[in-house]
């Protein structure tokens, strides 16, 4: 009986059949060699208890039982046939071994490059224990760390490349700008403008190029393009760090809007510019350049109030500008630009007093401006701009004497103005602006001298003969009568 029992057991082992009842059978056909160097070699045995699926376990030397149990747990609920169960378990164990071997090889290569990496070291330990879940967690953390590092490196390289390209573009933009300047120096604005435009296309941050687009387009009569350039420059600027550029761009836009008759919008731009300039002055009160800019801003704001019919606000703005101009002129009496600024401010204030019907205050302001203009003209008799300023001041003073009923003083002031204008016209007979100034004395207004002012009439007729006017400007401009002489001023 013993012999027959041994034969039955031997047959069951060879055919890998299932035991009946609760006997334990070893199936030696299932043997696997694992990659872990520390794993003891030997058979991987699957043990079956009972007839039904789910009564299967395995014992593989070198593979922790916990890892095997996880495999068995993953298939118990999905397989109904016991033989299928055994086959799937075989495949799972084989795949576990193959995955672990591959993962260890990859881990080994990574450790060669990063031998001190704590995550790789921990992953290797997990793989040796066949703890594939923990190994997966560690590998994902390793990937996230590498991703963060690599993205930082890529960002740094990209930033370096962008910085290099930006520097190259700045250089190219500057070259385009210089080429534009060359054409502008050659008095060919039509060729200069496209180069300035190309300069800002290459580098939007080229502020000088934006302003040149504005200036040249304005000179060429392309006001809309000039406006777009002024506004585009503003978009490139930070109000806090680019204050001076911004106030310049706002002034440019205001000037262009003013030339189009958009006085209310222009006023807004000038006021914005004035506020920025005021901040600069408050930041550094001793900066005389900013003080002068603020005075000019007040005058521009005053011009717009005047154009909009707000005489009170215009006068206030001009007086604010005058106060600053006075302070600067007193600070350095030899600074000719500041002196001229003061003269211009006096004239603007005089204009508003005149417009508001205050002839006395207007005359006082004009005479103050005239005194400064005289001083400048005497400093340099060859300075044509100062000479012209002086002629305009004499004309304004003459206007106020005429308005106040003092014809002789008006005549004297007009004669002074005429003498200067004739001198300028003779200096350059082709200068149309100076010729036009001569005509101003014969336009716009009329002055009537009574018969009792015969000496004035005779003096005036001697000076303003048609023959001399034809010689200088080709135009007869006097009319005489028994009772009056009419001057168009």
Foldseek 3Di string as FASTA:
>chain_A
DVVVVVVVLVVCQVVVDDDAAFDWHWNQVQADDAQQPPFDHDGWTKIAGHQWQPRIFIHHTQADRVLLVVLLVVCRVPDTHNVVSVVSSSVVVRVLRVVLNVVLVVLVVVCVVVVPDPLSVVLNVCSSNSVVVVNVVSVVVVVVVVVVVVVVVVVVVVVVVVVVQLVVLLVVLVVLQVVLVVCVVVVNLVVSLVSLVVSCVSPVQPLVSLCSNLVSCVVVVNLVSNLVSLVSSLVNDDCVPCVVSNLVSLQSNLVSCVVVVVLVVSLVSLVVSLVSLVVVCVVPVVPLVSLLVNLVSLQSNLVSCVSVPNLVSSLVSLVVSLVSLVVVCVVPVPPLVSLLSNLVSLQSNLVSCVVVPNLVSSLVSLVVSLVSLVVVCVVPVPPLVSLLSNLVSLQSNLVSCQVVPNNVSSLVSNVSSLVSLLVVCVVPVVPVVSLVSNCQFAADFWGWDALVVVVSVVVVCVVQPQVVNCVRNNGRRWDDDNTTIIGHD
